Amino acid sequence: MTRALARELGEDGITVNVIAPGFTLTEASLGLMENAAEYGVTRGALKRAAGTDDMVGAALFFASSAASFITGQTLIVDGGRQFN
């Protein structure tokens, strides 16, 4: 969907990108499971749980002029769990 929208909206100068977060500690996730803060930590390269603040940099990057020529992309923000 991201790439299809990027193709459709690109000629209007609109970029379309997506952030794909890994398991992130939120009030909801902390309430759903007892060990949420430890869940999957050992499998990630950074060996810590993600918080909502960890998503901010990706969002600010996509919203900035530094990403003005990036479209149709997915940025995975998971502390390196994807490749472990």
N, C-alpha and C. Protein backbone atom coordinates (compact mmCIF):
# COMPACT_ATOMS: atom_id res chain seq x y z
N MET A 1 0.81 -1.18 0.00
CA MET A 1 0.00 0.00 0.00
C MET A 1 0.86 1.26 0.00
N THR A 2 1.94 1.23 0.77
CA THR A 2 2.83 2.39 0.85
C THR A 2 3.38 2.76 -0.52
N ARG A 3 3.86 1.76 -1.23
CA ARG A 3 4.46 2.02 -2.54
C ARG A 3 3.40 2.43 -3.56
N ALA A 4 2.23 1.84 -3.48
CA ALA A 4 1.15 2.22 -4.40
C ALA A 4 0.74 3.67 -4.18
N LEU A 5 0.59 4.06 -2.91
CA LEU A 5 0.24 5.45 -2.61
C LEU A 5 1.36 6.40 -3.00
N ALA A 6 2.61 5.99 -2.77
CA ALA A 6 3.75 6.82 -3.15
C ALA A 6 3.74 7.07 -4.65
N ARG A 7 3.44 6.04 -5.42
CA ARG A 7 3.40 6.18 -6.88
C ARG A 7 2.25 7.10 -7.29
N GLU A 8 1.10 6.93 -6.67
CA GLU A 8 -0.07 7.75 -7.00
C GLU A 8 0.11 9.21 -6.65
N LEU A 9 0.69 9.47 -5.48
CA LEU A 9 0.75 10.84 -4.95
C LEU A 9 2.05 11.56 -5.28
N GLY A 10 3.03 10.83 -5.77
CA GLY A 10 4.35 11.41 -6.04
C GLY A 10 4.31 12.58 -7.00
N GLU A 11 3.50 12.49 -8.05
CA GLU A 11 3.49 13.60 -9.02
C GLU A 11 2.89 14.87 -8.43
N ASP A 12 2.25 14.75 -7.28
CA ASP A 12 1.75 15.94 -6.57
C ASP A 12 2.74 16.42 -5.51
N GLY A 13 3.92 15.80 -5.49
CA GLY A 13 4.95 16.20 -4.54
C GLY A 13 4.73 15.65 -3.14
N ILE A 14 3.88 14.65 -3.01
CA ILE A 14 3.57 14.08 -1.69
C ILE A 14 4.36 12.79 -1.52
N THR A 15 5.09 12.69 -0.42
CA THR A 15 5.82 11.46 -0.11
C THR A 15 4.98 10.60 0.83
N VAL A 16 5.14 9.30 0.68
CA VAL A 16 4.41 8.35 1.53
C VAL A 16 5.42 7.33 2.04
N ASN A 17 5.59 7.30 3.34
CA ASN A 17 6.50 6.36 3.97
C ASN A 17 5.83 5.80 5.21
N VAL A 18 6.40 4.74 5.76
CA VAL A 18 5.80 4.12 6.93
C VAL A 18 6.89 3.74 7.94
N ILE A 19 6.53 3.84 9.20
CA ILE A 19 7.39 3.38 10.29
C ILE A 19 6.82 2.06 10.77
N ALA A 20 7.66 1.03 10.83
CA ALA A 20 7.24 -0.29 11.31
C ALA A 20 7.94 -0.55 12.64
N PRO A 21 7.27 -0.25 13.73
CA PRO A 21 7.91 -0.45 15.03
C PRO A 21 7.90 -1.92 15.43
N GLY A 22 8.93 -2.30 16.16
CA GLY A 22 8.91 -3.61 16.79
C GLY A 22 8.06 -3.51 18.06
N PHE A 23 8.12 -4.53 18.89
CA PHE A 23 7.38 -4.51 20.15
C PHE A 23 7.82 -3.30 20.95
N THR A 24 6.86 -2.48 21.33
CA THR A 24 7.15 -1.21 22.00
C THR A 24 6.41 -1.15 23.33
N LEU A 25 7.11 -0.72 24.37
CA LEU A 25 6.49 -0.59 25.68
C LEU A 25 5.54 0.61 25.69
N THR A 26 4.30 0.32 25.93
CA THR A 26 3.27 1.35 26.07
C THR A 26 2.44 0.98 27.30
N GLU A 27 1.54 1.83 27.70
CA GLU A 27 0.65 1.48 28.81
C GLU A 27 -0.12 0.21 28.48
N ALA A 28 -0.53 0.09 27.23
CA ALA A 28 -1.30 -1.09 26.81
C ALA A 28 -0.45 -2.36 26.89
N SER A 29 0.76 -2.32 26.34
CA SER A 29 1.59 -3.54 26.35
C SER A 29 2.01 -3.92 27.77
N LEU A 30 2.26 -2.94 28.61
CA LEU A 30 2.61 -3.23 30.00
C LEU A 30 1.44 -3.86 30.74
N GLY A 31 0.22 -3.49 30.34
CA GLY A 31 -0.97 -4.06 30.97
C GLY A 31 -1.34 -5.43 30.44
N LEU A 32 -0.85 -5.77 29.26
CA LEU A 32 -1.21 -7.05 28.63
C LEU A 32 -0.39 -8.23 29.11
N MET A 33 0.84 -7.99 29.46
CA MET A 33 1.70 -9.11 29.84
C MET A 33 2.57 -8.74 31.03
N GLU A 34 2.83 -9.75 31.86
CA GLU A 34 3.60 -9.55 33.07
C GLU A 34 5.03 -9.10 32.81
N ASN A 35 5.68 -9.71 31.86
CA ASN A 35 7.10 -9.44 31.61
C ASN A 35 7.32 -8.60 30.36
N ALA A 36 6.46 -7.66 30.10
CA ALA A 36 6.55 -6.86 28.87
C ALA A 36 7.90 -6.15 28.73
N ALA A 37 8.44 -5.65 29.81
CA ALA A 37 9.71 -4.92 29.75
C ALA A 37 10.89 -5.81 29.35
N GLU A 38 10.76 -7.12 29.55
CA GLU A 38 11.84 -8.06 29.19
C GLU A 38 11.55 -8.80 27.90
N TYR A 39 10.35 -8.67 27.37
CA TYR A 39 9.94 -9.46 26.21
C TYR A 39 10.85 -9.22 25.00
N GLY A 40 11.53 -10.25 24.56
CA GLY A 40 12.35 -10.19 23.36
C GLY A 40 13.63 -9.38 23.45
N VAL A 41 13.96 -8.85 24.62
CA VAL A 41 15.13 -7.99 24.76
C VAL A 41 16.40 -8.71 24.34
N THR A 42 16.55 -9.96 24.69
CA THR A 42 17.78 -10.69 24.38
C THR A 42 17.92 -10.98 22.89
N ARG A 43 16.83 -10.92 22.13
CA ARG A 43 16.89 -11.20 20.70
C ARG A 43 17.29 -9.98 19.87
N GLY A 44 17.21 -8.80 20.43
CA GLY A 44 17.56 -7.59 19.69
C GLY A 44 19.03 -7.26 19.79
N ALA A 45 19.54 -6.59 18.79
CA ALA A 45 20.96 -6.20 18.79
C ALA A 45 21.26 -5.20 19.90
N LEU A 46 20.29 -4.34 20.22
CA LEU A 46 20.54 -3.30 21.22
C LEU A 46 20.27 -3.75 22.64
N LYS A 47 19.67 -4.92 22.81
CA LYS A 47 19.46 -5.55 24.13
C LYS A 47 18.71 -4.66 25.12
N ARG A 48 17.69 -3.97 24.62
CA ARG A 48 16.81 -3.21 25.51
C ARG A 48 15.43 -3.11 24.88
N ALA A 49 14.47 -2.83 25.70
CA ALA A 49 13.10 -2.68 25.20
C ALA A 49 12.93 -1.33 24.54
N ALA A 50 12.06 -1.28 23.56
CA ALA A 50 11.75 -0.02 22.88
C ALA A 50 10.67 0.72 23.64
N GLY A 51 10.83 2.02 23.71
CA GLY A 51 9.80 2.88 24.28
C GLY A 51 9.21 3.74 23.18
N THR A 52 8.16 4.43 23.49
CA THR A 52 7.52 5.28 22.49
C THR A 52 8.47 6.37 22.00
N ASP A 53 9.37 6.83 22.87
CA ASP A 53 10.33 7.86 22.47
C ASP A 53 11.26 7.37 21.36
N ASP A 54 11.45 6.07 21.27
CA ASP A 54 12.33 5.52 20.24
C ASP A 54 11.74 5.66 18.84
N MET A 55 10.47 5.93 18.73
CA MET A 55 9.82 6.10 17.42
C MET A 55 9.87 7.55 16.94
N VAL A 56 10.14 8.46 17.86
CA VAL A 56 10.10 9.89 17.54
C VAL A 56 11.12 10.28 16.47
N GLY A 57 12.34 9.78 16.57
CA GLY A 57 13.37 10.14 15.60
C GLY A 57 12.98 9.76 14.18
N ALA A 58 12.42 8.58 14.02
CA ALA A 58 11.99 8.13 12.70
C ALA A 58 10.88 9.03 12.16
N ALA A 59 9.94 9.37 13.01
CA ALA A 59 8.83 10.23 12.59
C ALA A 59 9.34 11.63 12.22
N LEU A 60 10.23 12.17 13.02
CA LEU A 60 10.78 13.50 12.74
C LEU A 60 11.60 13.49 11.45
N PHE A 61 12.33 12.41 11.22
CA PHE A 61 13.10 12.30 9.99
C PHE A 61 12.18 12.33 8.77
N PHE A 62 11.15 11.48 8.76
CA PHE A 62 10.24 11.44 7.62
C PHE A 62 9.50 12.77 7.43
N ALA A 63 9.28 13.50 8.52
CA ALA A 63 8.58 14.78 8.43
C ALA A 63 9.51 15.93 8.04
N SER A 64 10.81 15.68 8.03
CA SER A 64 11.78 16.74 7.77
C SER A 64 12.13 16.84 6.29
N SER A 65 12.79 17.93 5.95
CA SER A 65 13.25 18.12 4.57
C SER A 65 14.36 17.13 4.20
N ALA A 66 15.01 16.54 5.19
CA ALA A 66 16.05 15.55 4.93
C ALA A 66 15.49 14.32 4.22
N ALA A 67 14.19 14.08 4.33
CA ALA A 67 13.55 12.93 3.70
C ALA A 67 12.73 13.33 2.48
N SER A 68 12.99 14.50 1.93
CA SER A 68 12.14 15.02 0.85
C SER A 68 12.22 14.21 -0.45
N PHE A 69 13.25 13.39 -0.61
CA PHE A 69 13.38 12.59 -1.82
C PHE A 69 13.25 11.09 -1.51
N ILE A 70 12.63 10.79 -0.38
CA ILE A 70 12.39 9.41 0.04
C ILE A 70 10.90 9.17 0.03
N THR A 71 10.47 8.16 -0.71
CA THR A 71 9.05 7.83 -0.75
C THR A 71 8.87 6.35 -1.03
N GLY A 72 7.79 5.81 -0.52
CA GLY A 72 7.48 4.40 -0.73
C GLY A 72 8.31 3.46 0.12
N GLN A 73 8.86 3.95 1.22
CA GLN A 73 9.77 3.16 2.03
C GLN A 73 9.19 2.81 3.39
N THR A 74 9.67 1.71 3.93
CA THR A 74 9.32 1.28 5.28
C THR A 74 10.58 1.32 6.13
N LEU A 75 10.53 2.06 7.22
CA LEU A 75 11.66 2.14 8.15
C LEU A 75 11.33 1.29 9.36
N ILE A 76 12.08 0.22 9.55
CA ILE A 76 11.86 -0.69 10.67
C ILE A 76 12.61 -0.16 11.88
N VAL A 77 11.89 0.08 12.95
CA VAL A 77 12.47 0.59 14.19
C VAL A 77 12.25 -0.48 15.26
N ASP A 78 13.21 -1.39 15.35
CA ASP A 78 13.02 -2.54 16.25
C ASP A 78 14.26 -2.88 17.05
N GLY A 79 15.25 -2.00 17.10
CA GLY A 79 16.46 -2.26 17.89
C GLY A 79 17.28 -3.42 17.36
N GLY A 80 17.10 -3.78 16.13
CA GLY A 80 17.88 -4.86 15.54
C GLY A 80 17.29 -6.25 15.75
N ARG A 81 16.02 -6.34 16.09
CA ARG A 81 15.41 -7.67 16.29
C ARG A 81 15.15 -8.35 14.96
N GLN A 82 14.95 -7.61 13.91
CA GLN A 82 14.59 -8.20 12.61
C GLN A 82 15.67 -9.15 12.11
N PHE A 83 16.91 -8.82 12.29
CA PHE A 83 17.98 -9.66 11.75
C PHE A 83 18.56 -10.65 12.74
N ASN A 84 17.96 -10.76 13.91
CA ASN A 84 18.42 -11.76 14.88
C ASN A 84 17.54 -12.98 14.86
